Amino acid sequence: MVQPAHKPKRAAVSHAAAPVELSLDKGGRTLVYRCEAGHEPDLIRQLADEAADPNCPLTWFDAAVLCHRVGLSLRRVLQDRSLPPRSSAPSRAAESI
């Protein structure tokens, strides 16, 4: 599991990103991977390393599925940050209907 020894200083962001947690049921075992937001590249490298290890149960297909889930998680974070704040007032389009 990716667990950074220290947290690098980052600029303050108004929307705190949640840690990433992925799980995969494999051969009666559940493989769980976690990383702090911003350390997704480390997690992807770890998945690639484990997929390349013949002694590890993780296959390249499993790693690809998990990497895809990391991408979906990042997309949700970016979409949440780009959405304008919701207001209780109706939009102009709704007023004209």
N, C-alpha and C. Protein backbone atom coordinates (compact mmCIF):
# COMPACT_ATOMS: atom_id res chain seq x y z
N MET A 1 0.83 -1.18 0.00
CA MET A 1 0.00 0.00 0.00
C MET A 1 0.87 1.25 0.00
N VAL A 2 0.42 2.26 -0.68
CA VAL A 2 1.17 3.50 -0.76
C VAL A 2 0.85 4.33 0.47
N GLN A 3 1.81 4.54 1.31
CA GLN A 3 1.67 5.37 2.49
C GLN A 3 2.89 6.28 2.55
N PRO A 4 2.76 7.53 2.10
CA PRO A 4 3.92 8.41 2.09
C PRO A 4 4.45 8.67 3.49
N ALA A 5 5.76 8.75 3.62
CA ALA A 5 6.39 8.98 4.91
C ALA A 5 6.13 10.40 5.40
N HIS A 6 6.03 11.34 4.51
CA HIS A 6 5.73 12.72 4.88
C HIS A 6 4.80 13.33 3.85
N LYS A 7 4.13 14.36 4.24
CA LYS A 7 3.23 15.04 3.31
C LYS A 7 3.94 16.29 2.81
N PRO A 8 4.12 16.40 1.49
CA PRO A 8 4.74 17.60 0.96
C PRO A 8 3.80 18.79 1.16
N LYS A 9 4.38 19.98 1.32
CA LYS A 9 3.55 21.17 1.47
C LYS A 9 2.92 21.51 0.14
N ARG A 10 1.62 21.78 0.18
CA ARG A 10 0.87 22.11 -1.02
C ARG A 10 0.10 23.38 -0.77
N ALA A 11 -0.23 24.06 -1.84
CA ALA A 11 -1.03 25.27 -1.73
C ALA A 11 -2.41 24.91 -1.20
N ALA A 12 -2.98 25.81 -0.43
CA ALA A 12 -4.31 25.58 0.12
C ALA A 12 -5.34 25.51 -1.01
N VAL A 13 -6.23 24.57 -0.91
CA VAL A 13 -7.28 24.38 -1.91
C VAL A 13 -8.61 24.44 -1.17
N SER A 14 -9.59 25.10 -1.76
CA SER A 14 -10.87 25.25 -1.07
C SER A 14 -11.64 23.95 -0.97
N HIS A 15 -11.42 23.02 -1.89
CA HIS A 15 -12.09 21.73 -1.86
C HIS A 15 -11.07 20.67 -1.48
N ALA A 16 -11.24 20.09 -0.31
CA ALA A 16 -10.32 19.03 0.12
C ALA A 16 -10.65 17.74 -0.62
N ALA A 17 -9.63 17.13 -1.22
CA ALA A 17 -9.82 15.88 -1.93
C ALA A 17 -9.70 14.73 -0.94
N ALA A 18 -10.58 13.78 -1.08
CA ALA A 18 -10.59 12.62 -0.18
C ALA A 18 -9.50 11.64 -0.60
N PRO A 19 -9.00 10.86 0.35
CA PRO A 19 -8.04 9.82 -0.01
C PRO A 19 -8.67 8.84 -1.00
N VAL A 20 -7.84 8.20 -1.79
CA VAL A 20 -8.30 7.22 -2.76
C VAL A 20 -8.21 5.84 -2.11
N GLU A 21 -9.29 5.07 -2.22
CA GLU A 21 -9.28 3.69 -1.73
C GLU A 21 -9.92 2.82 -2.79
N LEU A 22 -9.19 1.78 -3.19
CA LEU A 22 -9.67 0.84 -4.20
C LEU A 22 -9.62 -0.56 -3.61
N SER A 23 -10.57 -1.38 -3.98
CA SER A 23 -10.51 -2.77 -3.54
C SER A 23 -10.85 -3.67 -4.72
N LEU A 24 -10.31 -4.88 -4.68
CA LEU A 24 -10.52 -5.86 -5.74
C LEU A 24 -10.61 -7.23 -5.10
N ASP A 25 -11.73 -7.93 -5.35
CA ASP A 25 -11.87 -9.30 -4.88
C ASP A 25 -11.16 -10.21 -5.87
N LYS A 26 -10.22 -10.99 -5.35
CA LYS A 26 -9.37 -11.81 -6.23
C LYS A 26 -9.10 -13.15 -5.57
N GLY A 27 -9.66 -14.21 -6.13
CA GLY A 27 -9.37 -15.55 -5.62
C GLY A 27 -9.69 -15.74 -4.15
N GLY A 28 -10.83 -15.22 -3.69
CA GLY A 28 -11.20 -15.37 -2.29
C GLY A 28 -10.53 -14.38 -1.36
N ARG A 29 -9.70 -13.52 -1.88
CA ARG A 29 -9.02 -12.48 -1.09
C ARG A 29 -9.48 -11.12 -1.58
N THR A 30 -9.43 -10.15 -0.71
CA THR A 30 -9.73 -8.78 -1.11
C THR A 30 -8.44 -7.98 -1.04
N LEU A 31 -8.04 -7.45 -2.18
CA LEU A 31 -6.85 -6.60 -2.25
C LEU A 31 -7.32 -5.16 -2.09
N VAL A 32 -6.73 -4.43 -1.15
CA VAL A 32 -7.12 -3.05 -0.89
C VAL A 32 -5.91 -2.16 -1.09
N TYR A 33 -6.11 -1.08 -1.83
CA TYR A 33 -5.05 -0.11 -2.10
C TYR A 33 -5.55 1.26 -1.66
N ARG A 34 -4.72 1.99 -0.95
CA ARG A 34 -5.07 3.33 -0.48
C ARG A 34 -3.92 4.29 -0.75
N CYS A 35 -4.30 5.53 -1.01
CA CYS A 35 -3.29 6.59 -1.10
C CYS A 35 -3.95 7.92 -0.81
N GLU A 36 -3.16 8.86 -0.38
CA GLU A 36 -3.65 10.22 -0.13
C GLU A 36 -3.86 10.92 -1.46
N ALA A 37 -4.80 11.84 -1.47
CA ALA A 37 -5.03 12.64 -2.68
C ALA A 37 -3.72 13.31 -3.08
N GLY A 38 -3.43 13.28 -4.36
CA GLY A 38 -2.19 13.86 -4.87
C GLY A 38 -1.08 12.83 -5.05
N HIS A 39 -1.27 11.64 -4.49
CA HIS A 39 -0.26 10.58 -4.62
C HIS A 39 -0.73 9.46 -5.53
N GLU A 40 -1.67 9.76 -6.41
CA GLU A 40 -2.20 8.75 -7.33
C GLU A 40 -1.13 8.17 -8.25
N PRO A 41 -0.16 8.99 -8.73
CA PRO A 41 0.90 8.40 -9.57
C PRO A 41 1.70 7.32 -8.83
N ASP A 42 1.91 7.49 -7.53
CA ASP A 42 2.61 6.47 -6.75
C ASP A 42 1.80 5.18 -6.70
N LEU A 43 0.49 5.32 -6.54
CA LEU A 43 -0.38 4.15 -6.52
C LEU A 43 -0.35 3.43 -7.86
N ILE A 44 -0.40 4.17 -8.94
CA ILE A 44 -0.36 3.56 -10.27
C ILE A 44 0.96 2.84 -10.49
N ARG A 45 2.07 3.43 -10.03
CA ARG A 45 3.38 2.75 -10.14
C ARG A 45 3.39 1.46 -9.33
N GLN A 46 2.80 1.51 -8.13
CA GLN A 46 2.74 0.31 -7.31
C GLN A 46 1.93 -0.78 -8.00
N LEU A 47 0.81 -0.42 -8.60
CA LEU A 47 -0.01 -1.40 -9.32
C LEU A 47 0.78 -2.03 -10.46
N ALA A 48 1.53 -1.22 -11.19
CA ALA A 48 2.35 -1.74 -12.30
C ALA A 48 3.43 -2.67 -11.78
N ASP A 49 4.07 -2.29 -10.68
CA ASP A 49 5.12 -3.14 -10.09
C ASP A 49 4.55 -4.48 -9.66
N GLU A 50 3.38 -4.45 -9.01
CA GLU A 50 2.78 -5.70 -8.56
C GLU A 50 2.32 -6.56 -9.72
N ALA A 51 1.79 -5.95 -10.77
CA ALA A 51 1.35 -6.72 -11.94
C ALA A 51 2.54 -7.38 -12.63
N ALA A 52 3.70 -6.75 -12.58
CA ALA A 52 4.90 -7.30 -13.21
C ALA A 52 5.53 -8.41 -12.37
N ASP A 53 5.16 -8.50 -11.09
CA ASP A 53 5.73 -9.50 -10.19
C ASP A 53 4.96 -10.81 -10.33
N PRO A 54 5.62 -11.88 -10.80
CA PRO A 54 4.92 -13.16 -10.98
C PRO A 54 4.46 -13.78 -9.66
N ASN A 55 5.00 -13.34 -8.55
CA ASN A 55 4.60 -13.87 -7.24
C ASN A 55 3.40 -13.14 -6.65
N CYS A 56 2.95 -12.10 -7.30
CA CYS A 56 1.82 -11.31 -6.83
C CYS A 56 0.56 -11.75 -7.57
N PRO A 57 -0.58 -11.84 -6.88
CA PRO A 57 -1.80 -12.28 -7.55
C PRO A 57 -2.41 -11.26 -8.52
N LEU A 58 -1.93 -10.03 -8.49
CA LEU A 58 -2.48 -8.98 -9.34
C LEU A 58 -2.01 -9.17 -10.79
N THR A 59 -2.94 -9.23 -11.73
CA THR A 59 -2.60 -9.36 -13.15
C THR A 59 -2.57 -7.98 -13.79
N TRP A 60 -2.09 -7.93 -15.03
CA TRP A 60 -2.08 -6.66 -15.76
C TRP A 60 -3.51 -6.16 -16.00
N PHE A 61 -4.43 -7.09 -16.23
CA PHE A 61 -5.83 -6.69 -16.42
C PHE A 61 -6.38 -6.07 -15.13
N ASP A 62 -6.09 -6.71 -13.98
CA ASP A 62 -6.52 -6.17 -12.69
C ASP A 62 -5.96 -4.76 -12.49
N ALA A 63 -4.67 -4.60 -12.79
CA ALA A 63 -4.03 -3.30 -12.62
C ALA A 63 -4.66 -2.26 -13.54
N ALA A 64 -5.00 -2.66 -14.76
CA ALA A 64 -5.65 -1.72 -15.69
C ALA A 64 -7.02 -1.28 -15.17
N VAL A 65 -7.77 -2.23 -14.62
CA VAL A 65 -9.09 -1.90 -14.06
C VAL A 65 -8.93 -0.93 -12.89
N LEU A 66 -7.99 -1.21 -12.00
CA LEU A 66 -7.78 -0.33 -10.85
C LEU A 66 -7.28 1.05 -11.27
N CYS A 67 -6.39 1.10 -12.27
CA CYS A 67 -5.91 2.40 -12.77
C CYS A 67 -7.06 3.19 -13.39
N HIS A 68 -7.95 2.50 -14.06
CA HIS A 68 -9.12 3.16 -14.63
C HIS A 68 -9.97 3.77 -13.51
N ARG A 69 -10.12 3.03 -12.41
CA ARG A 69 -10.89 3.55 -11.28
C ARG A 69 -10.21 4.78 -10.66
N VAL A 70 -8.89 4.79 -10.63
CA VAL A 70 -8.17 5.97 -10.14
C VAL A 70 -8.51 7.16 -11.04
N GLY A 71 -8.50 6.95 -12.35
CA GLY A 71 -8.84 8.01 -13.29
C GLY A 71 -10.26 8.52 -13.09
N LEU A 72 -11.21 7.63 -12.85
CA LEU A 72 -12.59 8.04 -12.61
C LEU A 72 -12.69 8.87 -11.33
N SER A 73 -11.94 8.46 -10.33
CA SER A 73 -11.94 9.20 -9.06
C SER A 73 -11.39 10.61 -9.27
N LEU A 74 -10.31 10.72 -10.03
CA LEU A 74 -9.73 12.04 -10.31
C LEU A 74 -10.68 12.89 -11.13
N ARG A 75 -11.39 12.27 -12.07
CA ARG A 75 -12.34 13.02 -12.89
C ARG A 75 -13.44 13.61 -12.01
N ARG A 76 -13.95 12.81 -11.05
CA ARG A 76 -14.99 13.32 -10.16
C ARG A 76 -14.49 14.50 -9.35
N VAL A 77 -13.26 14.42 -8.85
CA VAL A 77 -12.69 15.53 -8.08
C VAL A 77 -12.60 16.78 -8.94
N LEU A 78 -12.12 16.64 -10.17
CA LEU A 78 -11.99 17.79 -11.06
C LEU A 78 -13.35 18.36 -11.43
N GLN A 79 -14.33 17.51 -11.66
CA GLN A 79 -15.67 18.00 -11.98
C GLN A 79 -16.27 18.75 -10.80
N ASP A 80 -16.07 18.23 -9.60
CA ASP A 80 -16.59 18.90 -8.40
C ASP A 80 -15.97 20.27 -8.23
N ARG A 81 -14.69 20.39 -8.55
CA ARG A 81 -14.01 21.68 -8.41
C ARG A 81 -14.43 22.67 -9.47
N SER A 82 -14.85 22.19 -10.63
CA SER A 82 -15.18 23.11 -11.73
C SER A 82 -16.64 23.51 -11.74
N LEU A 83 -17.48 22.86 -10.94
CA LEU A 83 -18.89 23.22 -10.92
C LEU A 83 -19.09 24.54 -10.20
N PRO A 84 -19.93 25.42 -10.75
CA PRO A 84 -20.20 26.67 -10.04
C PRO A 84 -21.02 26.37 -8.79
N PRO A 85 -20.91 27.22 -7.77
CA PRO A 85 -21.70 26.98 -6.56
C PRO A 85 -23.19 27.06 -6.87
N ARG A 86 -23.95 26.19 -6.22
CA ARG A 86 -25.39 26.18 -6.44
C ARG A 86 -26.03 27.32 -5.69
N SER A 87 -27.00 27.94 -6.33
CA SER A 87 -27.73 29.00 -5.65
C SER A 87 -29.19 28.62 -5.60
N SER A 88 -29.92 29.22 -4.68
CA SER A 88 -31.33 28.89 -4.54
C SER A 88 -32.18 29.64 -5.55
N ALA A 89 -31.61 30.67 -6.19
CA ALA A 89 -32.36 31.45 -7.17
C ALA A 89 -32.45 30.67 -8.48
N PRO A 90 -33.61 30.72 -9.14
CA PRO A 90 -33.73 30.02 -10.42
C PRO A 90 -32.85 30.66 -11.49
N SER A 91 -32.42 29.87 -12.43
CA SER A 91 -31.59 30.40 -13.51
C SER A 91 -32.48 31.18 -14.49
N ARG A 92 -31.87 31.98 -15.34
CA ARG A 92 -32.62 32.77 -16.31
C ARG A 92 -33.42 31.89 -17.25
N ALA A 93 -32.84 30.75 -17.62
CA ALA A 93 -33.55 29.85 -18.54
C ALA A 93 -34.82 29.34 -17.87
N ALA A 94 -34.76 29.06 -16.61
CA ALA A 94 -35.95 28.55 -15.91
C ALA A 94 -36.99 29.66 -15.74
N GLU A 95 -36.54 30.93 -15.61
CA GLU A 95 -37.47 32.05 -15.43
C GLU A 95 -38.27 32.31 -16.68
N SER A 96 -37.68 32.08 -17.85
CA SER A 96 -38.36 32.42 -19.08
C SER A 96 -39.33 31.35 -19.55
N ILE A 97 -39.34 30.23 -18.91
CA ILE A 97 -40.23 29.12 -19.34
C ILE A 97 -41.61 29.31 -18.79
